[in-house]
Amino acid sequence: MIYGYIRVSTDDQSVDSQKNVISRYCVEKKIMVDEWIALEVSSRKSLRQRRIEELLSKLGDDDIVIISELSRLGRSIKEVLGIIERLTKECGSRLILVKQNMDINPKNTNDLSNKILITVFAMLAELERDFISERTKEGLAARKAKGLTLGKPKGTIQDSMYDKDRERIFHLHKIGVPINTIIKMHLGYGKYISLRDYIRKRYTDDASINTDHGSTASS
């Protein structure tokens, strides 16, 4: 699958402008976008709200993501590096940035410049994580020294990309629809393990929920 990702964050930016850049590239390379993921006015939204998580959940080893330019991927260098690392290393997908003339393909190990790019991105992302980890440890130590309670309140559940379809998911699951069928036929996004865990964490007190539905189909 080839995905075209478009994000505009201000009123003077145009979805069509970015789409045209990507479309011209595809014409030159004789390829075609299979699915467009577009979002408008999103500079302050989370990764999930900006549909980055949705995009990443769809990706596999043979997939390609095409973006008009690097700045459309994230709002900061740290965020951009993290997304690139997840896209190329965790998903194993290829990333094309048209305006920067960058083609980051984790499978193309014979291309020296490509290997350097991936290595540099991974190193910078790791360095940023180290900085964050160190600042977090220092902050926790300071809170502990003041006698403050550490960690999130018991029972805290983070937001999920599945929240918008929560009612439909549990209605389907309660009537025995397998998890993989929910993903493929009703949602069109997500993965078996993440949806299974979503169900378990939010309905652990519901004896009627059986999260083994669809486990055979996933193997």
Protein backbone atom coordinates (compact mmCIF):
# COMPACT_ATOMS: atom_id res chain seq x y z
CA MET A 1 0.00 0.00 0.00
CA ILE A 2 1.08 3.55 -0.75
CA TYR A 3 -0.23 6.22 1.63
CA GLY A 4 -0.26 9.97 1.06
CA TYR A 5 -0.25 11.89 4.37
CA ILE A 6 -1.34 15.54 4.37
CA ARG A 7 -1.55 17.93 7.33
CA VAL A 8 -2.32 21.63 7.32
CA SER A 9 -2.06 23.58 10.57
CA THR A 10 -3.01 27.16 9.62
CA ASP A 11 -5.80 28.81 7.64
CA ASP A 12 -3.46 29.89 4.85
CA GLN A 13 -2.27 26.36 4.08
CA SER A 14 -4.05 24.14 1.57
CA VAL A 15 -4.68 20.41 1.52
CA ASP A 16 -4.79 20.61 -2.28
CA SER A 17 -1.32 22.18 -2.43
CA GLN A 18 0.29 19.29 -0.56
CA LYS A 19 -1.75 16.74 -2.48
CA ASN A 20 -0.57 18.25 -5.77
CA VAL A 21 3.08 18.00 -4.69
CA ILE A 22 2.64 14.33 -3.84
CA SER A 23 0.58 13.60 -6.96
CA ARG A 24 3.22 15.16 -9.26
CA TYR A 25 5.90 13.03 -7.61
CA CYS A 26 3.79 9.91 -8.15
CA VAL A 27 3.29 10.76 -11.83
CA GLU A 28 7.05 11.20 -12.29
CA LYS A 29 7.78 7.89 -10.55
CA LYS A 30 4.83 6.10 -12.21
CA ILE A 31 3.25 5.05 -8.93
CA MET A 32 -0.19 5.67 -7.44
CA VAL A 33 -1.40 6.55 -3.94
CA ASP A 34 -3.78 3.86 -2.64
CA GLU A 35 -5.08 5.85 0.32
CA TRP A 36 -4.98 9.52 1.37
CA ILE A 37 -4.90 10.50 5.04
CA ALA A 38 -5.58 14.22 5.37
CA LEU A 39 -6.21 16.49 8.33
CA GLU A 40 -6.77 20.24 8.56
CA VAL A 41 -5.97 22.73 11.36
CA SER A 42 -4.14 20.36 13.68
CA SER A 43 -1.02 22.04 15.07
CA ARG A 44 -2.16 21.63 18.68
CA LYS A 45 -3.65 18.16 18.37
CA SER A 46 -2.13 14.95 19.72
CA LEU A 47 -0.55 12.26 17.52
CA ARG A 48 -3.81 10.31 17.63
CA GLN A 49 -5.90 13.34 16.71
CA ARG A 50 -3.52 14.17 13.85
CA ARG A 51 -4.10 10.60 12.59
CA ILE A 52 -0.40 9.68 12.91
CA GLU A 53 -1.30 6.71 15.13
CA GLU A 54 -3.95 5.67 12.61
CA LEU A 55 -1.35 5.83 9.84
CA LEU A 56 1.25 3.85 11.81
CA SER A 57 -1.31 1.18 12.74
CA LYS A 58 -1.89 0.50 9.03
CA LEU A 59 1.75 0.15 8.01
CA GLY A 60 3.66 -3.02 7.20
CA ASP A 61 6.98 -4.05 5.65
CA ASP A 62 6.01 -3.36 2.03
CA ASP A 63 4.17 -0.08 2.58
CA ILE A 64 5.23 3.41 1.49
CA VAL A 65 4.33 6.78 3.03
CA ILE A 66 4.69 9.89 0.90
CA ILE A 67 4.67 13.37 2.47
CA SER A 68 5.19 16.71 0.75
CA GLU A 69 7.82 17.88 3.26
CA LEU A 70 9.38 17.02 6.62
CA SER A 71 7.51 19.68 8.62
CA ARG A 72 4.16 17.99 7.85
CA LEU A 73 5.20 14.96 9.87
CA GLY A 74 5.49 16.65 13.28
CA ARG A 75 5.66 19.88 15.26
CA SER A 76 9.20 19.54 16.60
CA ILE A 77 12.50 17.87 15.73
CA LYS A 78 12.03 15.44 18.61
CA GLU A 79 8.57 14.44 17.45
CA VAL A 80 9.62 14.13 13.79
CA LEU A 81 12.57 11.91 14.71
CA GLY A 82 10.39 9.70 16.87
CA ILE A 83 7.81 9.23 14.11
CA ILE A 84 10.48 8.50 11.49
CA GLU A 85 12.06 5.90 13.77
CA ARG A 86 8.73 4.19 14.42
CA LEU A 87 7.76 4.30 10.76
CA THR A 88 11.04 2.87 9.44
CA LYS A 89 12.26 0.63 12.28
CA GLU A 90 9.10 -0.63 14.00
CA CYS A 91 6.82 -0.73 10.94
CA GLY A 92 9.62 -1.42 8.44
CA SER A 93 8.01 0.98 5.96
CA ARG A 94 9.53 3.33 3.41
CA LEU A 95 9.21 7.11 3.85
CA ILE A 96 9.42 9.58 0.97
CA LEU A 97 9.75 13.32 1.64
CA VAL A 98 9.22 15.03 -1.71
CA LYS A 99 10.55 18.58 -1.15
CA GLN A 100 13.61 17.36 0.74
CA ASN A 101 14.24 14.74 -1.98
CA MET A 102 14.62 12.09 0.72
CA ASP A 103 13.73 8.44 0.25
CA ILE A 104 14.24 6.56 3.52
CA ASN A 105 13.96 2.84 2.83
CA PRO A 106 15.03 0.54 5.70
CA LYS A 107 15.29 -2.39 3.24
CA ASN A 108 17.71 -0.61 0.91
CA THR A 109 20.87 -1.55 2.78
CA ASN A 110 23.08 -1.10 -0.28
CA ASP A 111 22.45 2.64 -0.46
CA LEU A 112 25.11 4.29 1.71
CA SER A 113 23.31 7.65 2.02
CA ASN A 114 20.12 5.82 3.00
CA LYS A 115 21.94 3.86 5.70
CA ILE A 116 23.52 7.05 7.02
CA LEU A 117 20.14 8.81 7.19
CA ILE A 118 18.49 5.97 9.09
CA THR A 119 21.45 5.67 11.46
CA VAL A 120 21.55 9.41 12.15
CA PHE A 121 17.79 9.57 12.76
CA ALA A 122 17.99 6.59 15.13
CA MET A 123 20.96 8.08 17.02
CA LEU A 124 19.26 11.47 17.42
CA ALA A 125 16.04 9.82 18.60
CA GLU A 126 17.98 7.71 21.11
CA LEU A 127 19.89 10.78 22.33
CA GLU A 128 16.62 12.65 22.82
CA ARG A 129 15.19 9.71 24.79
CA ASP A 130 18.29 9.70 27.00
CA PHE A 131 17.85 13.41 27.71
CA ILE A 132 14.17 12.91 28.54
CA SER A 133 14.96 9.90 30.76
CA GLU A 134 17.60 11.83 32.66
CA ARG A 135 15.29 14.83 33.19
CA THR A 136 12.50 12.50 34.30
CA LYS A 137 14.73 10.74 36.84
CA GLU A 138 15.89 14.07 38.22
CA GLY A 139 12.31 15.30 38.47
CA LEU A 140 11.11 12.12 40.21
CA ALA A 141 14.01 12.27 42.66
CA ALA A 142 13.13 15.87 43.48
CA ARG A 143 9.45 14.98 44.04
CA LYS A 144 10.39 12.00 46.19
CA ALA A 145 12.68 14.17 48.29
CA LYS A 146 9.73 16.50 48.93
CA GLY A 147 7.56 13.58 50.00
CA LEU A 148 5.23 13.81 47.00
CA THR A 149 3.41 10.75 45.61
CA LEU A 150 4.94 9.46 42.38
CA GLY A 151 3.18 8.01 39.35
CA LYS A 152 -0.31 8.30 37.93
CA PRO A 153 -3.39 7.86 40.10
CA LYS A 154 -4.47 4.23 40.38
CA GLY A 155 -6.87 3.20 37.63
CA THR A 156 -5.78 5.90 35.15
CA ILE A 157 -6.42 4.86 31.54
CA GLN A 158 -4.83 6.77 28.67
CA ASP A 159 -6.69 7.92 25.57
CA SER A 160 -6.78 5.47 22.67
CA MET A 161 -7.42 5.72 18.94
CA TYR A 162 -10.28 3.26 19.51
CA ASP A 163 -12.18 5.64 21.85
CA LYS A 164 -14.20 7.18 19.02
CA ASP A 165 -15.60 3.74 18.14
CA ARG A 166 -15.87 2.45 21.72
CA GLU A 167 -19.61 1.69 21.70
CA ARG A 168 -19.51 -0.05 18.34
CA ILE A 169 -16.45 -2.11 19.29
CA PHE A 170 -18.01 -3.50 22.46
CA HIS A 171 -21.39 -4.05 20.90
CA LEU A 172 -19.76 -6.16 18.17
CA HIS A 173 -17.50 -7.98 20.60
CA LYS A 174 -20.34 -8.80 23.02
CA ILE A 175 -22.33 -10.47 20.26
CA GLY A 176 -19.33 -12.63 19.40
CA VAL A 177 -17.73 -10.89 16.43
CA PRO A 178 -14.00 -11.84 16.35
CA ILE A 179 -11.49 -9.06 16.98
CA ASN A 180 -9.87 -9.46 13.57
CA THR A 181 -13.28 -9.16 11.90
CA ILE A 182 -14.04 -5.99 13.87
CA ILE A 183 -10.76 -4.51 12.62
CA LYS A 184 -11.07 -5.55 8.98
CA MET A 185 -14.81 -5.27 8.34
CA HIS A 186 -16.02 -2.55 10.72
CA LEU A 187 -13.14 -0.24 11.73
CA GLY A 188 -10.73 -0.35 8.82
CA TYR A 189 -7.79 0.36 11.14
CA GLY A 190 -5.96 -1.07 14.16
CA LYS A 191 -4.26 -4.35 15.04
CA TYR A 192 -5.39 -7.47 16.87
CA ILE A 193 -3.13 -7.10 19.94
CA SER A 194 -3.82 -3.41 20.52
CA LEU A 195 -7.61 -3.84 20.19
CA ARG A 196 -7.56 -6.93 22.41
CA ASP A 197 -5.67 -5.00 25.10
CA TYR A 198 -8.05 -2.05 24.70
CA ILE A 199 -11.00 -4.33 25.44
CA ARG A 200 -9.29 -6.01 28.39
CA LYS A 201 -8.21 -2.80 30.10
CA ARG A 202 -11.59 -1.10 29.86
CA TYR A 203 -13.88 -3.99 30.58
CA THR A 204 -11.96 -6.13 33.07
CA ASP A 205 -15.00 -6.16 35.36
CA ASP A 206 -17.36 -7.43 32.64
CA ALA A 207 -17.54 -11.22 32.79
CA SER A 208 -19.33 -11.35 29.43
CA ILE A 209 -16.29 -10.02 27.58
CA ASN A 210 -14.10 -12.78 26.16
CA THR A 211 -10.98 -11.32 24.58
CA ASP A 212 -9.99 -14.67 23.09
CA HIS A 213 -12.43 -14.08 20.20
CA GLY A 214 -10.46 -14.05 16.98
CA SER A 215 -7.17 -15.24 18.51
CA THR A 216 -7.06 -18.25 16.19
CA ALA A 217 -7.54 -16.05 13.14
CA SER A 218 -4.64 -13.83 14.15
CA SER A 219 -2.07 -16.59 14.16
